Amino acid sequence: MLFLRLSTVISLLCLLVLASCSPVQSELISETDEKQYQRGKLFLRNGRTEDALNAFLGVIDSRRDAPESHLEAGYIFLREMRDPVRAYYHFSRYLELFPQSDRAREVGQLRETAQKEFARQLPAQPYEGQLDRLDLMELIKNVRSENDNLKRDLMAAESRVRQLEGVMGEARRMPPTTASSTASAPSEEPAVSSGEGRPRTYTVQSGDSLSGISRKVYGTSSRWGDIFQANRDRMTSENALRVGQELRIP
C-alpha cells in the first residue's frame, strides 16, 4: 500500500517537472497544427494579407519556436508590405530556429533580397554595386545617423528663419527714420530769399522745373506761368533753367 502511494507521488512529480519544462502549453502541438497558423494560411488563400500577418504574428508571440510563422511573416513583409527591414528580421529568425531546414538556402536568399531591397530604397542609391557586401544593421545605423543630422540641420534652418522673421517684423513696426526726413528737407524748402525794397528770389537747384518751383513756393504747381512771366528777361523758354540761376518770385 505504501509502495503504491509512493509510486503515485513520484508520477505526479514527474508530470509537474515535464509541465515546468514547457514554457508554453501550445508547444505540445506542432506549429503548423496551431489554430492561429492554420487561420493565417486560410486568410492568405482568401487574399486577406493583413489578417494572415496578424495570425502568424500571434503564433510567434505564443510560441518559443515558430520558424514557419516567421517565414510566412517574412514573405508578407517583403512582397506585400514592402517592409524589407522586418522581412530581414523574420527570415533571420527562421534560420536561427531551423538552420538545418531543406529550405535554409532559399530563406537565406530571401534575406539577401530583403537586404538589397532596403538598400535600393535609400536616397540616390549610395551603395549600388556593393549590395552583396552590405551589412544591414550597419546600414540602418548609418541611415539613422544621417537622418539625425538632417533633423539638426532642419532645426537650425528653422531657427534662422524665425530670427529673420522677427527682425523683419520689428522693421515693419518701426517709424520712418529721421534721416530720410532730413535728407528730403532741403528739397522741400525753397531757396527763397526776400528783402525789403526788392522782389523775392529763388536760386535754381539741380532737378528743378518751373512747376516744381511753384509747388515749393506757393504749395501748388499751377503758378509756374507767373514765375515764367516774371523772368522773361532771364529765360528764353519755360525749360531754360540753369543750376544757380536766380529767379524772381512774383
Foldseek 3Di string as FASTA:
>chain_A
DVVVVVVVVVVVVVVVVVVVVAPAPVVVDDLCPDPLQVVLVVCVVVVNLVSSLVSLVVSVVRHPARLVSLQSNLCCCVPPVVNLVSSLVSLVSNCVRCVPDPCNVVSVVSNLVSQVSVLVPDPPSPCPPPSVVDDSVVVVVVVVVVVVVVVVVVVVVVVVVVVVVVVVVVVVPDDDDVVVVVVCVVLLAFQWDDDPPDFIKGFDAPPDFLLSNCCSPVVGSPCSVVQCVQCVVPDVDRGPDDGRDMTGDD
